[in-house]
Amino acid sequence: ATPASQTADRSSAQRPQHPAQRRFIDRRVDPNPGAGKLDLDLREVDVEQTAQATVKMLAGIAETAGVALQVKFAPDFPRLKTDERRLKQILINIVTNSIKFTPKGGRVTVEGKRADDGAVILVLSDTGIGIATKDLPKVMQPFGQVKEAQTPGKEGSGLGLPLTKKLVEALGGTFSLNSVLGAGTSVLISFPPE
């Protein structure tokens, strides 16, 4: 991996500067922007089953990359009133990113647990290349990418994490990103107790 000191500051050049770019991003999340809000189909969802199905769907990509996938859910993990299609999109975006930036022999884990206050927590973590602390705000901006991630075969649009955060928030959750350069990344998604 390239040292953090050599990370290119490309955030301002990659942020959408034009309203048409912003609309493009919004349409990636909501193809019906005229409605004013994201169209959600809320129902009771077995999140563990959705996570298992997502991991199964991405198993071939992970196997090709030499990355192990793991799903761990607490026995008392509750069903969640949410939009299953949007939740699956969130999981696909994060797990795919994790696979892409995790070297051969690494691991991506999807974990479900409950907080002491009853909040529903999803932690998606990897043993990948990680992100320098100073670059965390940059990767959360539309089109924001860091130099370490711009290697052949690891290209992307720079939209995955910002769109995923927007989806989580549309579902009533919170999204936080933690990472250590050279050690991996974890995404914590929390939904308040019902």
C-alpha atoms as a PDB file:
ATOM      1  CA  ALA A   1       0.000   0.000   0.000  1.00  0.00           C
ATOM      2  CA  THR A   2       1.100   3.542  -0.652  1.00  0.00           C
ATOM      3  CA  PRO A   3       2.106   5.443   2.500  1.00  0.00           C
ATOM      4  CA  ALA A   4      -0.548   7.773   3.849  1.00  0.00           C
ATOM      5  CA  SER A   5       1.725  10.775   3.277  1.00  0.00           C
ATOM      6  CA  GLN A   6       1.516  10.149  -0.475  1.00  0.00           C
ATOM      7  CA  THR A   7      -2.281  10.185  -0.537  1.00  0.00           C
ATOM      8  CA  ALA A   8      -3.497  12.584  -3.205  1.00  0.00           C
ATOM      9  CA  ASP A   9      -5.940  15.247  -2.063  1.00  0.00           C
ATOM     10  CA  ARG A  10      -8.525  14.836  -4.768  1.00  0.00           C
ATOM     11  CA  SER A  11     -11.660  15.466  -2.746  1.00  0.00           C
ATOM     12  CA  SER A  12     -12.440  18.935  -4.092  1.00  0.00           C
ATOM     13  CA  ALA A  13     -11.872  17.838  -7.675  1.00  0.00           C
ATOM     14  CA  GLN A  14     -14.157  14.848  -7.252  1.00  0.00           C
ATOM     15  CA  ARG A  15     -17.075  16.483  -5.457  1.00  0.00           C
ATOM     16  CA  PRO A  16     -20.028  17.196  -7.682  1.00  0.00           C
ATOM     17  CA  GLN A  17     -19.761  20.859  -8.625  1.00  0.00           C
ATOM     18  CA  HIS A  18     -22.891  21.027 -10.746  1.00  0.00           C
ATOM     19  CA  PRO A  19     -26.553  20.435  -9.793  1.00  0.00           C
ATOM     20  CA  ALA A  20     -26.806  17.786 -12.530  1.00  0.00           C
ATOM     21  CA  GLN A  21     -24.086  15.759 -10.782  1.00  0.00           C
ATOM     22  CA  ARG A  22     -25.971  16.016  -7.471  1.00  0.00           C
ATOM     23  CA  ARG A  23     -29.190  14.839  -9.182  1.00  0.00           C
ATOM     24  CA  PHE A  24     -27.265  11.883 -10.651  1.00  0.00           C
ATOM     25  CA  ILE A  25     -26.191  10.835  -7.154  1.00  0.00           C
ATOM     26  CA  ASP A  26     -29.691  11.294  -5.771  1.00  0.00           C
ATOM     27  CA  ARG A  27     -31.131   9.140  -8.576  1.00  0.00           C
ATOM     28  CA  ARG A  28     -28.670   6.349  -7.764  1.00  0.00           C
ATOM     29  CA  VAL A  29     -30.343   6.193  -4.351  1.00  0.00           C
ATOM     30  CA  ASP A  30     -33.868   7.079  -5.464  1.00  0.00           C
ATOM     31  CA  PRO A  31     -34.762   6.626  -9.122  1.00  0.00           C
ATOM     32  CA  ASN A  32     -37.943   8.643  -8.524  1.00  0.00           C
ATOM     33  CA  PRO A  33     -36.572  11.982  -7.229  1.00  0.00           C
ATOM     34  CA  GLY A  34     -39.788  13.848  -8.002  1.00  0.00           C
ATOM     35  CA  ALA A  35     -41.476  12.019  -5.153  1.00  0.00           C
ATOM     36  CA  GLY A  36     -39.470  14.070  -2.644  1.00  0.00           C
ATOM     37  CA  LYS A  37     -38.458  11.097  -0.528  1.00  0.00           C
ATOM     38  CA  LEU A  38     -37.157   7.588  -0.896  1.00  0.00           C
ATOM     39  CA  ASP A  39     -39.851   5.035  -1.643  1.00  0.00           C
ATOM     40  CA  LEU A  40     -39.698   2.451   1.157  1.00  0.00           C
ATOM     41  CA  ASP A  41     -41.486  -0.861   1.586  1.00  0.00           C
ATOM     42  CA  LEU A  42     -41.318  -1.296   5.367  1.00  0.00           C
ATOM     43  CA  ARG A  43     -42.042  -4.720   6.828  1.00  0.00           C
ATOM     44  CA  GLU A  44     -40.616  -7.116   9.420  1.00  0.00           C
ATOM     45  CA  VAL A  45     -37.319  -8.459   8.047  1.00  0.00           C
ATOM     46  CA  ASP A  46     -35.119 -11.308   9.225  1.00  0.00           C
ATOM     47  CA  VAL A  47     -31.840  -9.389   8.950  1.00  0.00           C
ATOM     48  CA  GLU A  48     -29.665 -12.450   9.559  1.00  0.00           C
ATOM     49  CA  GLN A  49     -31.360 -14.277   6.681  1.00  0.00           C
ATOM     50  CA  THR A  50     -30.893 -11.203   4.453  1.00  0.00           C
ATOM     51  CA  ALA A  51     -27.196 -11.040   5.425  1.00  0.00           C
ATOM     52  CA  GLN A  52     -26.752 -14.769   4.739  1.00  0.00           C
ATOM     53  CA  ALA A  53     -28.409 -14.401   1.311  1.00  0.00           C
ATOM     54  CA  THR A  54     -26.188 -11.416   0.485  1.00  0.00           C
ATOM     55  CA  VAL A  55     -23.013 -13.261   1.485  1.00  0.00           C
ATOM     56  CA  LYS A  56     -24.110 -16.299  -0.535  1.00  0.00           C
ATOM     57  CA  MET A  57     -24.705 -14.064  -3.546  1.00  0.00           C
ATOM     58  CA  LEU A  58     -21.218 -12.525  -3.221  1.00  0.00           C
ATOM     59  CA  ALA A  59     -19.405 -15.799  -2.406  1.00  0.00           C
ATOM     60  CA  GLY A  60     -18.085 -16.256  -5.948  1.00  0.00           C
ATOM     61  CA  ILE A  61     -16.524 -12.780  -5.998  1.00  0.00           C
ATOM     62  CA  ALA A  62     -14.976 -13.373  -2.584  1.00  0.00           C
ATOM     63  CA  GLU A  63     -13.648 -16.799  -3.598  1.00  0.00           C
ATOM     64  CA  THR A  64     -12.039 -15.363  -6.728  1.00  0.00           C
ATOM     65  CA  ALA A  65     -10.411 -12.661  -4.591  1.00  0.00           C
ATOM     66  CA  GLY A  66      -9.277 -15.210  -1.989  1.00  0.00           C
ATOM     67  CA  VAL A  67     -11.261 -13.467   0.752  1.00  0.00           C
ATOM     68  CA  ALA A  68     -13.255 -15.364   3.395  1.00  0.00           C
ATOM     69  CA  LEU A  69     -16.802 -14.218   4.205  1.00  0.00           C
ATOM     70  CA  GLN A  70     -18.340 -14.721   7.627  1.00  0.00           C
ATOM     71  CA  VAL A  71     -21.766 -13.952   9.121  1.00  0.00           C
ATOM     72  CA  LYS A  72     -22.168 -13.838  12.922  1.00  0.00           C
ATOM     73  CA  PHE A  73     -25.448 -12.890  14.577  1.00  0.00           C
ATOM     74  CA  ALA A  74     -26.354 -12.878  18.245  1.00  0.00           C
ATOM     75  CA  PRO A  75     -29.031 -15.466  19.146  1.00  0.00           C
ATOM     76  CA  ASP A  76     -31.336 -12.683  20.409  1.00  0.00           C
ATOM     77  CA  PHE A  77     -31.004 -10.579  17.245  1.00  0.00           C
ATOM     78  CA  PRO A  78     -34.524  -9.281  16.503  1.00  0.00           C
ATOM     79  CA  ARG A  79     -36.422  -8.913  13.286  1.00  0.00           C
ATOM     80  CA  LEU A  80     -36.265  -5.342  12.065  1.00  0.00           C
ATOM     81  CA  LYS A  81     -39.007  -3.246  10.504  1.00  0.00           C
ATOM     82  CA  THR A  82     -37.213  -2.007   7.396  1.00  0.00           C
ATOM     83  CA  ASP A  83     -37.117  -2.140   3.601  1.00  0.00           C
ATOM     84  CA  GLU A  84     -35.469  -5.468   2.786  1.00  0.00           C
ATOM     85  CA  ARG A  85     -34.452  -4.473  -0.743  1.00  0.00           C
ATOM     86  CA  ARG A  86     -32.731  -1.299   0.520  1.00  0.00           C
ATOM     87  CA  LEU A  87     -31.100  -3.196   3.397  1.00  0.00           C
ATOM     88  CA  LYS A  88     -29.748  -5.755   0.931  1.00  0.00           C
ATOM     89  CA  GLN A  89     -28.425  -2.925  -1.246  1.00  0.00           C
ATOM     90  CA  ILE A  90     -26.600  -1.506   1.791  1.00  0.00           C
ATOM     91  CA  LEU A  91     -25.061  -4.894   2.598  1.00  0.00           C
ATOM     92  CA  ILE A  92     -24.053  -5.511  -1.023  1.00  0.00           C
ATOM     93  CA  ASN A  93     -22.389  -2.081  -1.291  1.00  0.00           C
ATOM     94  CA  ILE A  94     -20.353  -2.489   1.883  1.00  0.00           C
ATOM     95  CA  VAL A  95     -19.418  -6.164   1.473  1.00  0.00           C
ATOM     96  CA  THR A  96     -18.430  -5.636  -2.171  1.00  0.00           C
ATOM     97  CA  ASN A  97     -16.234  -2.687  -1.172  1.00  0.00           C
ATOM     98  CA  SER A  98     -14.689  -4.758   1.599  1.00  0.00           C
ATOM     99  CA  ILE A  99     -13.893  -7.636  -0.743  1.00  0.00           C
ATOM    100  CA  LYS A 100     -12.401  -5.232  -3.292  1.00  0.00           C
ATOM    101  CA  PHE A 101     -10.014  -3.680  -0.761  1.00  0.00           C
ATOM    102  CA  THR A 102      -9.088  -6.807   1.212  1.00  0.00           C
ATOM    103  CA  PRO A 103      -5.971  -8.707   0.097  1.00  0.00           C
ATOM    104  CA  LYS A 104      -5.985 -12.437  -0.620  1.00  0.00           C
ATOM    105  CA  GLY A 105      -6.182 -14.386   2.627  1.00  0.00           C
ATOM    106  CA  GLY A 106      -8.216 -11.673   4.349  1.00  0.00           C
ATOM    107  CA  ARG A 107     -11.682 -11.767   5.879  1.00  0.00           C
ATOM    108  CA  VAL A 108     -14.940  -9.815   5.646  1.00  0.00           C
ATOM    109  CA  THR A 109     -17.411 -10.219   8.508  1.00  0.00           C
ATOM    110  CA  VAL A 110     -21.059  -9.215   8.831  1.00  0.00           C
ATOM    111  CA  GLU A 111     -22.050  -9.193  12.494  1.00  0.00           C
ATOM    112  CA  GLY A 112     -25.425  -8.520  14.080  1.00  0.00           C
ATOM    113  CA  LYS A 113     -25.911  -7.716  17.761  1.00  0.00           C
ATOM    114  CA  ARG A 114     -28.041  -5.737  20.172  1.00  0.00           C
ATOM    115  CA  ALA A 115     -26.826  -2.823  22.232  1.00  0.00           C
ATOM    116  CA  ASP A 116     -27.640  -2.597  25.933  1.00  0.00           C
ATOM    117  CA  ASP A 117     -30.332  -0.015  25.143  1.00  0.00           C
ATOM    118  CA  GLY A 118     -31.971  -2.398  22.630  1.00  0.00           C
ATOM    119  CA  ALA A 119     -30.587  -0.739  19.494  1.00  0.00           C
ATOM    120  CA  VAL A 120     -30.015  -3.071  16.570  1.00  0.00           C
ATOM    121  CA  ILE A 121     -26.377  -2.988  15.463  1.00  0.00           C
ATOM    122  CA  LEU A 122     -24.768  -4.256  12.270  1.00  0.00           C
ATOM    123  CA  VAL A 123     -20.981  -4.243  12.077  1.00  0.00           C
ATOM    124  CA  LEU A 124     -19.395  -4.950   8.711  1.00  0.00           C
ATOM    125  CA  SER A 125     -15.646  -5.295   9.046  1.00  0.00           C
ATOM    126  CA  ASP A 126     -12.699  -6.373   6.954  1.00  0.00           C
ATOM    127  CA  THR A 127      -8.979  -7.015   7.254  1.00  0.00           C
ATOM    128  CA  GLY A 128      -8.309  -4.913   4.173  1.00  0.00           C
ATOM    129  CA  ILE A 129      -5.968  -2.087   3.255  1.00  0.00           C
ATOM    130  CA  GLY A 130      -7.797   0.386   5.463  1.00  0.00           C
ATOM    131  CA  ILE A 131      -8.122   4.140   5.131  1.00  0.00           C
ATOM    132  CA  ALA A 132      -5.961   6.793   6.785  1.00  0.00           C
ATOM    133  CA  THR A 133      -7.863   8.749   9.457  1.00  0.00           C
ATOM    134  CA  LYS A 134      -7.350  12.003   7.570  1.00  0.00           C
ATOM    135  CA  ASP A 135      -8.996  10.457   4.476  1.00  0.00           C
ATOM    136  CA  LEU A 136     -12.192   9.226   6.177  1.00  0.00           C
ATOM    137  CA  PRO A 137     -14.128  12.459   5.466  1.00  0.00           C
ATOM    138  CA  LYS A 138     -12.955  12.344   1.843  1.00  0.00           C
ATOM    139  CA  VAL A 139     -14.302   8.829   1.139  1.00  0.00           C
ATOM    140  CA  MET A 140     -17.675   9.864   2.554  1.00  0.00           C
ATOM    141  CA  GLN A 141     -17.984  12.607  -0.082  1.00  0.00           C
ATOM    142  CA  PRO A 142     -19.513  11.773  -3.471  1.00  0.00           C
ATOM    143  CA  PHE A 143     -16.727  10.929  -5.931  1.00  0.00           C
ATOM    144  CA  GLY A 144     -14.175  11.040  -3.106  1.00  0.00           C
ATOM    145  CA  GLN A 145     -11.442   8.429  -3.435  1.00  0.00           C
ATOM    146  CA  VAL A 146      -7.991   8.069  -1.956  1.00  0.00           C
ATOM    147  CA  LYS A 147      -4.833   7.156  -3.807  1.00  0.00           C
ATOM    148  CA  GLU A 148      -4.375   3.819  -1.997  1.00  0.00           C
ATOM    149  CA  ALA A 149      -7.653   2.621  -3.483  1.00  0.00           C
ATOM    150  CA  GLN A 150      -6.821   3.700  -7.022  1.00  0.00           C
ATOM    151  CA  THR A 151      -4.928   0.637  -8.157  1.00  0.00           C
ATOM    152  CA  PRO A 152      -5.659  -1.507 -11.211  1.00  0.00           C
ATOM    153  CA  GLY A 153      -8.696  -3.696 -10.643  1.00  0.00           C
ATOM    154  CA  LYS A 154      -9.897  -1.611  -7.699  1.00  0.00           C
ATOM    155  CA  GLU A 155     -11.501   1.282  -9.529  1.00  0.00           C
ATOM    156  CA  GLY A 156     -14.860   2.607  -8.513  1.00  0.00           C
ATOM    157  CA  SER A 157     -17.071   5.638  -8.881  1.00  0.00           C
ATOM    158  CA  GLY A 158     -16.498   6.978  -5.370  1.00  0.00           C
ATOM    159  CA  LEU A 159     -20.253   6.815  -4.792  1.00  0.00           C
ATOM    160  CA  GLY A 160     -20.633   3.572  -2.804  1.00  0.00           C
ATOM    161  CA  LEU A 161     -20.122   4.803   0.754  1.00  0.00           C
ATOM    162  CA  PRO A 162     -21.942   8.161   0.405  1.00  0.00           C
ATOM    163  CA  LEU A 163     -24.936   6.430  -1.199  1.00  0.00           C
ATOM    164  CA  THR A 164     -24.903   3.683   1.395  1.00  0.00           C
ATOM    165  CA  LYS A 165     -24.894   6.239   4.218  1.00  0.00           C
ATOM    166  CA  LYS A 166     -27.838   8.008   2.598  1.00  0.00           C
ATOM    167  CA  LEU A 167     -29.757   4.716   2.375  1.00  0.00           C
ATOM    168  CA  VAL A 168     -29.043   3.861   6.029  1.00  0.00           C
ATOM    169  CA  GLU A 169     -30.297   7.274   7.105  1.00  0.00           C
ATOM    170  CA  ALA A 170     -33.418   6.907   4.928  1.00  0.00           C
ATOM    171  CA  LEU A 171     -34.152   3.691   6.853  1.00  0.00           C
ATOM    172  CA  GLY A 172     -33.845   5.570  10.166  1.00  0.00           C
ATOM    173  CA  GLY A 173     -30.373   4.319  11.047  1.00  0.00           C
ATOM    174  CA  THR A 174     -26.984   5.858  11.677  1.00  0.00           C
ATOM    175  CA  PHE A 175     -23.805   5.062   9.762  1.00  0.00           C
ATOM    176  CA  SER A 176     -20.247   5.395  11.025  1.00  0.00           C
ATOM    177  CA  LEU A 177     -16.979   4.439   9.380  1.00  0.00           C
ATOM    178  CA  ASN A 178     -13.817   3.516  11.272  1.00  0.00           C
ATOM    179  CA  SER A 179     -10.567   2.450   9.694  1.00  0.00           C
ATOM    180  CA  VAL A 180      -6.864   1.960  10.286  1.00  0.00           C
ATOM    181  CA  LEU A 181      -4.540   2.207   7.312  1.00  0.00           C
ATOM    182  CA  GLY A 182      -3.033  -1.221   6.706  1.00  0.00           C
ATOM    183  CA  ALA A 183      -5.308  -2.976   9.216  1.00  0.00           C
ATOM    184  CA  GLY A 184      -8.873  -2.808   7.894  1.00  0.00           C
ATOM    185  CA  THR A 185     -12.157  -0.999   8.026  1.00  0.00           C
ATOM    186  CA  SER A 186     -15.404  -1.367   9.931  1.00  0.00           C
ATOM    187  CA  VAL A 187     -18.792   0.135   9.256  1.00  0.00           C
ATOM    188  CA  LEU A 188     -21.223   0.396  12.156  1.00  0.00           C
ATOM    189  CA  ILE A 189     -24.900   0.694  11.310  1.00  0.00           C
ATOM    190  CA  SER A 190     -27.293   1.271  14.188  1.00  0.00           C
ATOM    191  CA  PHE A 191     -31.079   1.280  14.245  1.00  0.00           C
ATOM    192  CA  PRO A 192     -32.843   2.618  17.340  1.00  0.00           C
ATOM    193  CA  PRO A 193     -34.826   0.246  19.559  1.00  0.00           C
ATOM    194  CA  GLU A 194     -38.459  -0.096  18.542  1.00  0.00           C
END
